Amino acid sequence: MDKDAQLVILPPVRREDIPKLCEQLIDLLDGDRRPFVECDVGAVDQPDLVIVDALARLQLIALRHNSFLRIEAACPKLILLLSLTGLGGVILHGQAKQRENTIDVEEVVHPGDAAI
């Protein structure tokens, strides 16, 4: 089956919740070939290192099953935490959740700047 699966993470996420989340992901992936597992983290408004740890472990499980974890509806704080911990390029993310206090990045290109 090539359809994406979905895992929803609801706060609060405690360290003792991580094994159960891992089991849920394994159940989604066992038996079916799924290129991506969408992980809805939209309810996580106050991310911490426990949620980052959980997402890292879930990504490892997905990779072991020839799949990828793709987080959806992540708040800017979670995206920043993933980036600061070095996981920003490892865990794929879809659309960021729209917030009033988003992290604004302004990119300026000047004539003559080298292309990257």
N, C-alpha and C. Protein backbone atom coordinates (compact mmCIF):
# COMPACT_ATOMS: atom_id res chain seq x y z
N MET A 1 0.84 -1.18 0.00
CA MET A 1 0.00 0.00 0.00
C MET A 1 0.88 1.23 0.00
N ASP A 2 0.67 2.19 -0.90
CA ASP A 2 1.50 3.37 -1.01
C ASP A 2 0.86 4.60 -0.41
N LYS A 3 -0.19 4.45 0.34
CA LYS A 3 -0.87 5.58 0.96
C LYS A 3 -0.13 5.99 2.22
N ASP A 4 -0.08 7.32 2.47
CA ASP A 4 0.55 7.81 3.67
C ASP A 4 -0.30 7.49 4.89
N ALA A 5 0.37 7.20 5.99
CA ALA A 5 -0.31 6.95 7.27
C ALA A 5 -0.24 8.23 8.10
N GLN A 6 -1.03 8.28 9.16
CA GLN A 6 -1.00 9.46 10.02
C GLN A 6 -0.92 9.05 11.48
N LEU A 7 -0.06 9.74 12.20
CA LEU A 7 0.11 9.58 13.64
C LEU A 7 -0.14 10.97 14.24
N VAL A 8 -0.98 11.04 15.26
CA VAL A 8 -1.30 12.32 15.90
C VAL A 8 -0.66 12.33 17.28
N ILE A 9 0.09 13.39 17.57
CA ILE A 9 0.72 13.54 18.88
C ILE A 9 0.00 14.65 19.64
N LEU A 10 -0.51 14.28 20.81
CA LEU A 10 -1.23 15.24 21.65
C LEU A 10 -0.42 15.52 22.92
N PRO A 11 -0.36 16.78 23.33
CA PRO A 11 0.36 17.08 24.57
C PRO A 11 -0.46 16.70 25.79
N PRO A 12 0.15 16.54 26.92
CA PRO A 12 1.60 16.62 27.12
C PRO A 12 2.27 15.30 26.74
N VAL A 13 3.45 15.40 26.19
CA VAL A 13 4.24 14.20 25.89
C VAL A 13 5.32 14.10 26.96
N ARG A 14 5.28 13.00 27.69
CA ARG A 14 6.26 12.73 28.75
C ARG A 14 7.20 11.63 28.26
N ARG A 15 8.34 11.52 28.87
CA ARG A 15 9.31 10.48 28.47
C ARG A 15 8.68 9.10 28.47
N GLU A 16 7.84 8.83 29.45
CA GLU A 16 7.23 7.50 29.53
C GLU A 16 6.19 7.26 28.43
N ASP A 17 5.81 8.32 27.70
CA ASP A 17 4.87 8.17 26.58
C ASP A 17 5.56 7.76 25.27
N ILE A 18 6.86 7.95 25.21
CA ILE A 18 7.59 7.72 23.96
C ILE A 18 7.50 6.26 23.49
N PRO A 19 7.69 5.26 24.35
CA PRO A 19 7.57 3.88 23.86
C PRO A 19 6.19 3.57 23.24
N LYS A 20 5.13 4.13 23.82
CA LYS A 20 3.79 3.89 23.26
C LYS A 20 3.65 4.55 21.88
N LEU A 21 4.19 5.76 21.72
CA LEU A 21 4.18 6.41 20.41
C LEU A 21 4.95 5.58 19.39
N CYS A 22 6.07 5.02 19.83
CA CYS A 22 6.87 4.17 18.93
C CYS A 22 6.10 2.92 18.52
N GLU A 23 5.39 2.32 19.47
CA GLU A 23 4.57 1.15 19.16
C GLU A 23 3.45 1.50 18.17
N GLN A 24 2.84 2.66 18.34
CA GLN A 24 1.79 3.09 17.42
C GLN A 24 2.34 3.23 16.00
N LEU A 25 3.54 3.80 15.90
CA LEU A 25 4.15 3.97 14.58
C LEU A 25 4.49 2.61 13.96
N ILE A 26 5.03 1.72 14.75
CA ILE A 26 5.36 0.38 14.25
C ILE A 26 4.10 -0.31 13.74
N ASP A 27 3.00 -0.18 14.48
CA ASP A 27 1.73 -0.77 14.05
C ASP A 27 1.27 -0.19 12.71
N LEU A 28 1.49 1.12 12.52
CA LEU A 28 1.11 1.74 11.25
C LEU A 28 1.97 1.23 10.09
N LEU A 29 3.23 0.98 10.36
CA LEU A 29 4.17 0.63 9.31
C LEU A 29 4.25 -0.86 9.03
N ASP A 30 3.94 -1.70 9.99
CA ASP A 30 4.06 -3.14 9.79
C ASP A 30 3.13 -3.64 8.70
N GLY A 31 3.73 -4.36 7.77
CA GLY A 31 2.95 -5.01 6.73
C GLY A 31 2.70 -4.19 5.48
N ASP A 32 2.76 -2.88 5.59
CA ASP A 32 2.47 -2.02 4.43
C ASP A 32 3.68 -1.15 4.11
N ARG A 33 3.92 -0.97 2.85
CA ARG A 33 4.97 -0.05 2.39
C ARG A 33 4.36 1.33 2.31
N ARG A 34 4.79 2.22 3.16
CA ARG A 34 4.30 3.60 3.18
C ARG A 34 5.50 4.53 3.03
N PRO A 35 5.51 5.35 2.00
CA PRO A 35 6.66 6.24 1.80
C PRO A 35 6.80 7.29 2.89
N PHE A 36 5.68 7.74 3.43
CA PHE A 36 5.69 8.75 4.48
C PHE A 36 4.68 8.40 5.55
N VAL A 37 4.98 8.83 6.76
CA VAL A 37 4.01 8.83 7.84
C VAL A 37 3.85 10.28 8.25
N GLU A 38 2.65 10.80 8.09
CA GLU A 38 2.38 12.16 8.52
C GLU A 38 2.20 12.15 10.03
N CYS A 39 2.92 13.03 10.69
CA CYS A 39 2.85 13.12 12.15
C CYS A 39 2.30 14.50 12.50
N ASP A 40 1.05 14.53 12.90
CA ASP A 40 0.37 15.79 13.21
C ASP A 40 0.77 16.23 14.62
N VAL A 41 1.51 17.34 14.68
CA VAL A 41 1.94 17.89 15.97
C VAL A 41 1.29 19.25 16.22
N GLY A 42 0.19 19.51 15.54
CA GLY A 42 -0.48 20.80 15.63
C GLY A 42 -0.95 21.17 17.02
N ALA A 43 -1.21 20.19 17.86
CA ALA A 43 -1.68 20.47 19.22
C ALA A 43 -0.53 20.81 20.17
N VAL A 44 0.70 20.59 19.73
CA VAL A 44 1.87 20.85 20.58
C VAL A 44 2.22 22.33 20.48
N ASP A 45 1.78 23.10 21.50
CA ASP A 45 2.02 24.55 21.51
C ASP A 45 3.28 24.94 22.26
N GLN A 46 3.69 24.13 23.22
CA GLN A 46 4.87 24.42 24.03
C GLN A 46 5.87 23.27 23.90
N PRO A 47 6.56 23.20 22.76
CA PRO A 47 7.48 22.08 22.55
C PRO A 47 8.68 22.15 23.49
N ASP A 48 9.20 20.97 23.80
CA ASP A 48 10.38 20.87 24.65
C ASP A 48 11.26 19.76 24.09
N LEU A 49 12.33 19.46 24.81
CA LEU A 49 13.26 18.43 24.32
C LEU A 49 12.68 17.03 24.37
N VAL A 50 11.65 16.82 25.16
CA VAL A 50 11.00 15.50 25.18
C VAL A 50 10.30 15.25 23.85
N ILE A 51 9.60 16.24 23.33
CA ILE A 51 8.93 16.07 22.03
C ILE A 51 9.97 15.91 20.92
N VAL A 52 11.08 16.62 21.03
CA VAL A 52 12.16 16.47 20.04
C VAL A 52 12.71 15.05 20.10
N ASP A 53 12.93 14.53 21.30
CA ASP A 53 13.40 13.16 21.47
C ASP A 53 12.41 12.17 20.87
N ALA A 54 11.13 12.39 21.14
CA ALA A 54 10.10 11.50 20.59
C ALA A 54 10.13 11.51 19.07
N LEU A 55 10.22 12.69 18.48
CA LEU A 55 10.23 12.79 17.01
C LEU A 55 11.48 12.14 16.42
N ALA A 56 12.61 12.29 17.09
CA ALA A 56 13.84 11.66 16.61
C ALA A 56 13.71 10.14 16.63
N ARG A 57 13.17 9.61 17.71
CA ARG A 57 12.98 8.16 17.80
C ARG A 57 11.98 7.66 16.76
N LEU A 58 10.92 8.43 16.56
CA LEU A 58 9.92 8.04 15.55
C LEU A 58 10.53 8.06 14.16
N GLN A 59 11.39 9.04 13.89
CA GLN A 59 12.05 9.09 12.59
C GLN A 59 12.94 7.87 12.39
N LEU A 60 13.67 7.46 13.42
CA LEU A 60 14.51 6.27 13.31
C LEU A 60 13.69 5.02 13.00
N ILE A 61 12.55 4.90 13.65
CA ILE A 61 11.67 3.76 13.38
C ILE A 61 11.16 3.81 11.95
N ALA A 62 10.76 4.99 11.50
CA ALA A 62 10.27 5.12 10.12
C ALA A 62 11.37 4.72 9.13
N LEU A 63 12.59 5.19 9.37
CA LEU A 63 13.69 4.85 8.47
C LEU A 63 13.97 3.36 8.45
N ARG A 64 13.86 2.71 9.59
CA ARG A 64 14.06 1.25 9.65
C ARG A 64 13.00 0.50 8.86
N HIS A 65 11.86 1.14 8.63
CA HIS A 65 10.78 0.55 7.85
C HIS A 65 10.72 1.14 6.43
N ASN A 66 11.85 1.71 5.98
CA ASN A 66 11.94 2.30 4.63
C ASN A 66 10.88 3.36 4.40
N SER A 67 10.68 4.19 5.39
CA SER A 67 9.70 5.26 5.32
C SER A 67 10.33 6.53 5.90
N PHE A 68 9.59 7.61 5.88
CA PHE A 68 10.03 8.87 6.46
C PHE A 68 8.92 9.45 7.30
N LEU A 69 9.30 10.10 8.39
CA LEU A 69 8.35 10.82 9.23
C LEU A 69 8.27 12.25 8.69
N ARG A 70 7.06 12.73 8.48
CA ARG A 70 6.87 14.11 8.02
C ARG A 70 5.93 14.80 9.00
N ILE A 71 6.47 15.77 9.76
CA ILE A 71 5.62 16.44 10.73
C ILE A 71 4.75 17.48 10.03
N GLU A 72 3.53 17.59 10.51
CA GLU A 72 2.56 18.52 9.96
C GLU A 72 2.07 19.46 11.05
N ALA A 73 1.80 20.70 10.68
CA ALA A 73 1.22 21.72 11.56
C ALA A 73 2.11 22.04 12.75
N ALA A 74 3.42 22.00 12.54
CA ALA A 74 4.36 22.29 13.63
C ALA A 74 4.39 23.79 13.90
N CYS A 75 4.43 24.15 15.16
CA CYS A 75 4.55 25.56 15.52
C CYS A 75 5.99 26.01 15.26
N PRO A 76 6.20 27.30 15.06
CA PRO A 76 7.55 27.79 14.80
C PRO A 76 8.57 27.42 15.88
N LYS A 77 8.13 27.35 17.14
CA LYS A 77 9.05 26.98 18.22
C LYS A 77 9.56 25.55 18.04
N LEU A 78 8.69 24.65 17.60
CA LEU A 78 9.12 23.27 17.39
C LEU A 78 10.09 23.19 16.22
N ILE A 79 9.81 23.90 15.16
CA ILE A 79 10.72 23.90 14.01
C ILE A 79 12.08 24.45 14.41
N LEU A 80 12.07 25.50 15.23
CA LEU A 80 13.33 26.07 15.71
C LEU A 80 14.08 25.08 16.60
N LEU A 81 13.37 24.41 17.51
CA LEU A 81 14.01 23.41 18.37
C LEU A 81 14.63 22.28 17.55
N LEU A 82 13.92 21.83 16.53
CA LEU A 82 14.46 20.78 15.67
C LEU A 82 15.72 21.26 14.98
N SER A 83 15.71 22.49 14.55
CA SER A 83 16.88 23.05 13.89
C SER A 83 18.05 23.20 14.85
N LEU A 84 17.78 23.70 16.05
CA LEU A 84 18.84 23.90 17.04
C LEU A 84 19.46 22.59 17.51
N THR A 85 18.70 21.53 17.49
CA THR A 85 19.22 20.23 17.91
C THR A 85 19.84 19.44 16.76
N GLY A 86 19.88 20.04 15.59
CA GLY A 86 20.47 19.38 14.43
C GLY A 86 19.53 18.44 13.70
N LEU A 87 18.26 18.45 14.07
CA LEU A 87 17.30 17.53 13.44
C LEU A 87 16.44 18.22 12.37
N GLY A 88 16.67 19.49 12.14
CA GLY A 88 15.88 20.22 11.16
C GLY A 88 15.97 19.63 9.76
N GLY A 89 17.12 19.10 9.41
CA GLY A 89 17.30 18.50 8.09
C GLY A 89 17.01 17.02 8.06
N VAL A 90 16.78 16.43 9.22
CA VAL A 90 16.54 15.00 9.31
C VAL A 90 15.05 14.68 9.32
N ILE A 91 14.29 15.50 10.03
CA ILE A 91 12.85 15.30 10.12
C ILE A 91 12.18 16.26 9.16
N LEU A 92 11.48 15.72 8.19
CA LEU A 92 10.79 16.53 7.20
C LEU A 92 9.61 17.22 7.83
N HIS A 93 9.31 18.42 7.38
CA HIS A 93 8.10 19.05 7.88
C HIS A 93 7.33 19.67 6.73
N GLY A 94 6.02 19.54 6.86
CA GLY A 94 5.11 20.09 5.86
C GLY A 94 4.78 21.53 6.22
N GLN A 95 3.54 21.86 6.16
CA GLN A 95 3.09 23.21 6.41
C GLN A 95 3.20 23.56 7.89
N ALA A 96 3.81 24.69 8.20
CA ALA A 96 3.88 25.16 9.58
C ALA A 96 2.52 25.70 9.99
N LYS A 97 2.23 25.54 11.25
CA LYS A 97 0.97 26.04 11.79
C LYS A 97 1.02 27.56 11.83
N GLN A 98 -0.02 28.20 11.37
CA GLN A 98 -0.08 29.65 11.35
C GLN A 98 -0.31 30.18 12.76
N ARG A 99 0.54 31.08 13.18
CA ARG A 99 0.46 31.66 14.52
C ARG A 99 0.58 33.18 14.38
N GLU A 100 0.15 33.88 15.41
CA GLU A 100 0.33 35.32 15.42
C GLU A 100 1.80 35.67 15.59
N ASN A 101 2.50 34.97 16.46
CA ASN A 101 3.90 35.25 16.74
C ASN A 101 4.78 34.26 15.98
N THR A 102 4.86 34.42 14.69
CA THR A 102 5.70 33.52 13.91
C THR A 102 7.11 34.07 13.85
N ILE A 103 8.03 33.21 13.51
CA ILE A 103 9.42 33.62 13.35
C ILE A 103 9.56 34.13 11.93
N ASP A 104 9.87 35.41 11.79
CA ASP A 104 10.00 36.01 10.46
C ASP A 104 11.45 35.99 10.03
N VAL A 105 11.66 35.53 8.83
CA VAL A 105 12.98 35.55 8.23
C VAL A 105 12.86 36.31 6.94
N GLU A 106 13.66 37.34 6.81
CA GLU A 106 13.63 38.14 5.59
C GLU A 106 14.90 37.88 4.82
N GLU A 107 14.74 37.52 3.58
CA GLU A 107 15.89 37.21 2.75
C GLU A 107 16.08 38.34 1.75
N VAL A 108 17.29 38.86 1.70
CA VAL A 108 17.61 39.96 0.79
C VAL A 108 18.67 39.46 -0.16
N VAL A 109 18.44 39.68 -1.44
CA VAL A 109 19.42 39.32 -2.46
C VAL A 109 19.86 40.61 -3.14
N HIS A 110 21.15 40.81 -3.15
CA HIS A 110 21.71 42.01 -3.78
C HIS A 110 22.29 41.62 -5.13
N PRO A 111 22.18 42.53 -6.12
CA PRO A 111 22.80 42.24 -7.42
C PRO A 111 24.28 41.98 -7.23
N GLY A 112 24.77 40.97 -7.85
CA GLY A 112 26.17 40.61 -7.75
C GLY A 112 26.47 39.57 -6.68
N ASP A 113 25.46 39.23 -5.85
CA ASP A 113 25.67 38.17 -4.87
C ASP A 113 25.82 36.84 -5.58
N ALA A 114 26.71 36.02 -5.09
CA ALA A 114 26.91 34.70 -5.69
C ALA A 114 25.73 33.81 -5.40
N ALA A 115 25.34 33.01 -6.38
CA ALA A 115 24.26 32.05 -6.18
C ALA A 115 24.77 30.91 -5.32
N ILE A 116 23.91 30.42 -4.47
CA ILE A 116 24.30 29.30 -3.59
C ILE A 116 23.78 28.01 -4.17
